[in-house]
Amino acid sequence: MNKMAIKKANTAEKKESKKEKVTYTVEVTRVHDVSKDDKTRILFDAKVNGVAVSGMSYMEGVKDGKEWSMIRFPQTKAKNGKYYNVVWFPTSKELIEDVAKQIESML
């Protein structure tokens, strides 16, 4: 049997299967404000789809007249000196806004 025909069949099957969109629910469980100057930085723990995640941070500020906000994930330093996320999930503007509201209600 031709190996090339097998590879083409496998890639066609992969293209046909559609991935279901996964939604993430984040429930903030603990908050600690470590903001300095005009920069907001808040450390928090959360449950993401029921799994506890510790050591996340929420940051917001203004740069070039535009407001921004982001979530950072817990990281660890590898032997090569680089930092890598311990946990990660896709975020959206709506998810970040929801986390910000939960944090604000807990402060």
N, C-alpha and C. Protein backbone atom coordinates (compact mmCIF):
# COMPACT_ATOMS: atom_id res chain seq x y z
N MET A 1 0.84 -1.18 0.00
CA MET A 1 0.00 0.00 0.00
C MET A 1 0.89 1.24 0.00
N ASN A 2 0.46 2.25 -0.68
CA ASN A 2 1.23 3.49 -0.81
C ASN A 2 1.11 4.32 0.46
N LYS A 3 2.24 4.67 1.08
CA LYS A 3 2.22 5.46 2.31
C LYS A 3 1.67 6.86 2.08
N MET A 4 1.93 7.41 0.92
CA MET A 4 1.46 8.76 0.61
C MET A 4 -0.07 8.82 0.63
N ALA A 5 -0.73 7.78 0.15
CA ALA A 5 -2.19 7.74 0.14
C ALA A 5 -2.73 7.73 1.56
N ILE A 6 -2.03 7.07 2.46
CA ILE A 6 -2.47 7.02 3.86
C ILE A 6 -2.36 8.40 4.49
N LYS A 7 -1.26 9.10 4.26
CA LYS A 7 -1.07 10.44 4.82
C LYS A 7 -2.14 11.39 4.33
N LYS A 8 -2.45 11.34 3.04
CA LYS A 8 -3.46 12.23 2.48
C LYS A 8 -4.83 11.94 3.08
N ALA A 9 -5.15 10.69 3.30
CA ALA A 9 -6.43 10.31 3.90
C ALA A 9 -6.52 10.83 5.33
N ASN A 10 -5.45 10.70 6.09
CA ASN A 10 -5.45 11.16 7.48
C ASN A 10 -5.62 12.68 7.57
N THR A 11 -4.97 13.43 6.72
CA THR A 11 -5.10 14.89 6.78
C THR A 11 -6.49 15.32 6.34
N ALA A 12 -7.11 14.60 5.42
CA ALA A 12 -8.48 14.93 5.00
C ALA A 12 -9.45 14.70 6.15
N GLU A 13 -9.25 13.64 6.92
CA GLU A 13 -10.11 13.37 8.06
C GLU A 13 -9.97 14.46 9.12
N LYS A 14 -8.77 14.93 9.34
CA LYS A 14 -8.54 15.97 10.34
C LYS A 14 -9.22 17.27 9.95
N LYS A 15 -9.20 17.62 8.67
CA LYS A 15 -9.82 18.84 8.21
C LYS A 15 -11.33 18.80 8.35
N GLU A 16 -11.91 17.60 8.17
CA GLU A 16 -13.35 17.46 8.23
C GLU A 16 -13.88 17.56 9.66
N SER A 17 -13.10 17.08 10.63
CA SER A 17 -13.57 17.12 12.01
C SER A 17 -13.46 18.55 12.53
N LYS A 18 -14.58 19.06 13.01
CA LYS A 18 -14.61 20.43 13.52
C LYS A 18 -14.43 20.38 15.03
N LYS A 19 -13.64 21.30 15.52
CA LYS A 19 -13.41 21.38 16.96
C LYS A 19 -14.56 22.15 17.60
N GLU A 20 -15.02 21.63 18.73
CA GLU A 20 -16.05 22.34 19.48
C GLU A 20 -15.39 23.47 20.24
N LYS A 21 -16.07 24.59 20.31
CA LYS A 21 -15.54 25.75 21.01
C LYS A 21 -15.73 25.55 22.51
N VAL A 22 -14.65 25.62 23.25
CA VAL A 22 -14.68 25.43 24.69
C VAL A 22 -14.87 26.79 25.35
N THR A 23 -15.77 26.87 26.30
CA THR A 23 -15.96 28.11 27.05
C THR A 23 -15.32 27.94 28.43
N TYR A 24 -14.74 29.01 28.92
CA TYR A 24 -14.07 28.99 30.21
C TYR A 24 -14.81 29.90 31.18
N THR A 25 -15.13 29.35 32.34
CA THR A 25 -15.74 30.15 33.39
C THR A 25 -14.69 30.36 34.48
N VAL A 26 -14.54 31.62 34.87
CA VAL A 26 -13.53 31.97 35.86
C VAL A 26 -14.24 32.55 37.07
N GLU A 27 -14.00 31.94 38.24
CA GLU A 27 -14.56 32.42 39.49
C GLU A 27 -13.40 32.83 40.39
N VAL A 28 -13.28 34.14 40.64
CA VAL A 28 -12.19 34.66 41.47
C VAL A 28 -12.47 34.28 42.92
N THR A 29 -11.47 33.69 43.59
CA THR A 29 -11.66 33.21 44.96
C THR A 29 -10.89 34.03 46.00
N ARG A 30 -9.77 34.65 45.59
CA ARG A 30 -8.97 35.42 46.55
C ARG A 30 -8.27 36.55 45.80
N VAL A 31 -8.14 37.71 46.47
CA VAL A 31 -7.58 38.90 45.81
C VAL A 31 -6.59 39.58 46.75
N HIS A 32 -5.47 40.08 46.16
CA HIS A 32 -4.49 40.86 46.93
C HIS A 32 -4.00 42.00 46.05
N ASP A 33 -4.21 43.24 46.48
CA ASP A 33 -3.84 44.42 45.69
C ASP A 33 -2.39 44.80 45.98
N VAL A 34 -1.55 44.83 44.94
CA VAL A 34 -0.15 45.22 45.06
C VAL A 34 0.16 46.38 44.12
N SER A 35 -0.80 47.25 43.90
CA SER A 35 -0.64 48.36 42.96
C SER A 35 0.36 49.38 43.49
N LYS A 36 1.12 49.98 42.56
CA LYS A 36 2.07 51.05 42.88
C LYS A 36 1.88 52.18 41.90
N ASP A 37 2.10 53.40 42.34
CA ASP A 37 1.99 54.57 41.49
C ASP A 37 0.63 54.57 40.77
N ASP A 38 0.63 54.73 39.47
CA ASP A 38 -0.62 54.74 38.71
C ASP A 38 -0.87 53.41 38.01
N LYS A 39 -0.09 52.40 38.35
CA LYS A 39 -0.24 51.10 37.71
C LYS A 39 -1.02 50.16 38.63
N THR A 40 -2.08 49.58 38.09
CA THR A 40 -2.89 48.65 38.85
C THR A 40 -2.35 47.24 38.64
N ARG A 41 -2.05 46.57 39.73
CA ARG A 41 -1.64 45.17 39.67
C ARG A 41 -2.27 44.45 40.85
N ILE A 42 -3.05 43.44 40.53
CA ILE A 42 -3.76 42.70 41.55
C ILE A 42 -3.47 41.21 41.37
N LEU A 43 -2.99 40.59 42.42
CA LEU A 43 -2.76 39.15 42.41
C LEU A 43 -4.06 38.47 42.82
N PHE A 44 -4.38 37.36 42.16
CA PHE A 44 -5.61 36.68 42.52
C PHE A 44 -5.50 35.18 42.25
N ASP A 45 -6.35 34.45 42.95
CA ASP A 45 -6.53 33.03 42.72
C ASP A 45 -7.93 32.85 42.15
N ALA A 46 -8.11 31.81 41.36
CA ALA A 46 -9.42 31.61 40.73
C ALA A 46 -9.67 30.13 40.50
N LYS A 47 -10.93 29.83 40.25
CA LYS A 47 -11.31 28.50 39.79
C LYS A 47 -11.69 28.65 38.33
N VAL A 48 -11.01 27.91 37.47
CA VAL A 48 -11.26 27.95 36.03
C VAL A 48 -11.90 26.62 35.65
N ASN A 49 -13.15 26.68 35.28
CA ASN A 49 -13.93 25.46 34.99
C ASN A 49 -13.81 24.46 36.13
N GLY A 50 -13.80 24.96 37.37
CA GLY A 50 -13.76 24.11 38.55
C GLY A 50 -12.37 23.73 39.02
N VAL A 51 -11.33 24.09 38.29
CA VAL A 51 -9.95 23.75 38.67
C VAL A 51 -9.30 24.97 39.32
N ALA A 52 -8.75 24.80 40.51
CA ALA A 52 -8.12 25.91 41.24
C ALA A 52 -6.80 26.29 40.60
N VAL A 53 -6.63 27.61 40.35
CA VAL A 53 -5.39 28.15 39.79
C VAL A 53 -4.94 29.28 40.71
N SER A 54 -3.72 29.17 41.25
CA SER A 54 -3.18 30.19 42.14
C SER A 54 -2.09 30.98 41.44
N GLY A 55 -1.93 32.23 41.84
CA GLY A 55 -0.82 33.04 41.36
C GLY A 55 -1.07 33.78 40.06
N MET A 56 -2.31 34.05 39.73
CA MET A 56 -2.61 34.83 38.52
C MET A 56 -2.54 36.31 38.89
N SER A 57 -2.39 37.16 37.89
CA SER A 57 -2.39 38.60 38.17
C SER A 57 -3.20 39.33 37.10
N TYR A 58 -3.85 40.40 37.55
CA TYR A 58 -4.63 41.28 36.69
C TYR A 58 -3.93 42.62 36.69
N MET A 59 -3.71 43.18 35.50
CA MET A 59 -3.05 44.47 35.39
C MET A 59 -3.84 45.35 34.45
N GLU A 60 -3.83 46.66 34.74
CA GLU A 60 -4.46 47.62 33.84
C GLU A 60 -3.71 48.94 33.92
N GLY A 61 -3.86 49.73 32.88
CA GLY A 61 -3.19 51.01 32.85
C GLY A 61 -3.54 51.78 31.59
N VAL A 62 -2.79 52.85 31.33
CA VAL A 62 -3.00 53.69 30.15
C VAL A 62 -1.66 53.86 29.46
N LYS A 63 -1.64 53.61 28.14
CA LYS A 63 -0.43 53.79 27.36
C LYS A 63 -0.81 54.48 26.06
N ASP A 64 -0.13 55.57 25.77
CA ASP A 64 -0.41 56.36 24.56
C ASP A 64 -1.87 56.77 24.47
N GLY A 65 -2.47 57.08 25.61
CA GLY A 65 -3.86 57.54 25.65
C GLY A 65 -4.89 56.43 25.54
N LYS A 66 -4.47 55.18 25.46
CA LYS A 66 -5.40 54.06 25.35
C LYS A 66 -5.35 53.23 26.63
N GLU A 67 -6.53 52.88 27.13
CA GLU A 67 -6.61 52.02 28.31
C GLU A 67 -6.39 50.57 27.90
N TRP A 68 -5.71 49.81 28.75
CA TRP A 68 -5.49 48.40 28.48
C TRP A 68 -5.66 47.62 29.77
N SER A 69 -5.96 46.36 29.63
CA SER A 69 -6.04 45.45 30.78
C SER A 69 -5.66 44.06 30.31
N MET A 70 -5.08 43.28 31.22
CA MET A 70 -4.65 41.93 30.85
C MET A 70 -4.60 41.03 32.07
N ILE A 71 -4.61 39.74 31.78
CA ILE A 71 -4.44 38.72 32.81
C ILE A 71 -3.13 38.01 32.54
N ARG A 72 -2.32 37.85 33.59
CA ARG A 72 -1.07 37.10 33.44
C ARG A 72 -1.23 35.79 34.20
N PHE A 73 -0.61 34.77 33.66
CA PHE A 73 -0.73 33.44 34.23
C PHE A 73 0.49 33.12 35.09
N PRO A 74 0.36 32.18 36.06
CA PRO A 74 1.51 31.82 36.88
C PRO A 74 2.62 31.24 36.03
N GLN A 75 3.86 31.59 36.36
CA GLN A 75 5.01 31.14 35.57
C GLN A 75 6.06 30.48 36.46
N THR A 76 6.92 29.71 35.82
CA THR A 76 8.06 29.11 36.51
C THR A 76 9.30 29.32 35.65
N LYS A 77 10.44 29.43 36.31
CA LYS A 77 11.68 29.65 35.59
C LYS A 77 12.35 28.31 35.29
N ALA A 78 12.67 28.09 34.03
CA ALA A 78 13.30 26.84 33.61
C ALA A 78 14.82 26.92 33.78
N LYS A 79 15.50 25.81 33.59
CA LYS A 79 16.95 25.77 33.72
C LYS A 79 17.64 26.66 32.70
N ASN A 80 16.99 26.90 31.56
CA ASN A 80 17.59 27.75 30.53
C ASN A 80 17.43 29.24 30.82
N GLY A 81 16.80 29.58 31.96
CA GLY A 81 16.66 30.97 32.37
C GLY A 81 15.39 31.65 31.85
N LYS A 82 14.63 30.97 31.02
CA LYS A 82 13.40 31.54 30.49
C LYS A 82 12.23 31.18 31.40
N TYR A 83 11.20 32.04 31.36
CA TYR A 83 9.99 31.80 32.13
C TYR A 83 8.92 31.19 31.23
N TYR A 84 8.20 30.20 31.77
CA TYR A 84 7.14 29.54 31.03
C TYR A 84 5.87 29.50 31.88
N ASN A 85 4.71 29.65 31.21
CA ASN A 85 3.44 29.57 31.91
C ASN A 85 3.22 28.17 32.45
N VAL A 86 2.74 28.09 33.69
CA VAL A 86 2.41 26.82 34.30
C VAL A 86 1.04 26.36 33.80
N VAL A 87 0.15 27.31 33.66
CA VAL A 87 -1.20 27.05 33.16
C VAL A 87 -1.57 28.16 32.20
N TRP A 88 -2.42 27.84 31.22
CA TRP A 88 -2.83 28.83 30.24
C TRP A 88 -4.19 28.46 29.69
N PHE A 89 -5.00 29.45 29.41
CA PHE A 89 -6.24 29.25 28.69
C PHE A 89 -6.51 30.51 27.89
N PRO A 90 -7.23 30.41 26.77
CA PRO A 90 -7.46 31.60 25.95
C PRO A 90 -8.34 32.61 26.68
N THR A 91 -8.00 33.87 26.54
CA THR A 91 -8.79 34.93 27.16
C THR A 91 -9.40 35.81 26.07
N SER A 92 -10.47 36.45 26.44
CA SER A 92 -11.14 37.39 25.55
C SER A 92 -11.37 38.68 26.31
N LYS A 93 -11.74 39.71 25.61
CA LYS A 93 -12.03 41.00 26.25
C LYS A 93 -13.15 40.84 27.28
N GLU A 94 -14.16 40.06 26.92
CA GLU A 94 -15.30 39.85 27.82
C GLU A 94 -14.89 39.10 29.08
N LEU A 95 -14.03 38.10 28.94
CA LEU A 95 -13.56 37.33 30.08
C LEU A 95 -12.75 38.22 31.02
N ILE A 96 -11.87 39.04 30.46
CA ILE A 96 -11.05 39.95 31.28
C ILE A 96 -11.94 40.96 32.00
N GLU A 97 -12.96 41.48 31.33
CA GLU A 97 -13.89 42.42 31.97
C GLU A 97 -14.65 41.74 33.10
N ASP A 98 -15.04 40.49 32.92
CA ASP A 98 -15.75 39.74 33.96
C ASP A 98 -14.85 39.54 35.18
N VAL A 99 -13.60 39.18 34.94
CA VAL A 99 -12.63 39.01 36.04
C VAL A 99 -12.43 40.33 36.77
N ALA A 100 -12.34 41.44 36.03
CA ALA A 100 -12.15 42.76 36.63
C ALA A 100 -13.33 43.11 37.54
N LYS A 101 -14.54 42.80 37.11
CA LYS A 101 -15.74 43.07 37.94
C LYS A 101 -15.71 42.25 39.20
N GLN A 102 -15.33 40.99 39.09
CA GLN A 102 -15.26 40.12 40.29
C GLN A 102 -14.21 40.64 41.26
N ILE A 103 -13.06 41.05 40.73
CA ILE A 103 -11.99 41.57 41.58
C ILE A 103 -12.44 42.85 42.28
N GLU A 104 -13.06 43.74 41.54
CA GLU A 104 -13.53 45.00 42.11
C GLU A 104 -14.54 44.77 43.24
N SER A 105 -15.40 43.78 43.08
CA SER A 105 -16.39 43.52 44.12
C SER A 105 -15.75 42.93 45.39
N MET A 106 -14.55 42.33 45.25
CA MET A 106 -13.90 41.72 46.39
C MET A 106 -12.93 42.66 47.12
N LEU A 107 -12.58 43.77 46.48
CA LEU A 107 -11.63 44.72 47.12
C LEU A 107 -12.33 45.60 48.13
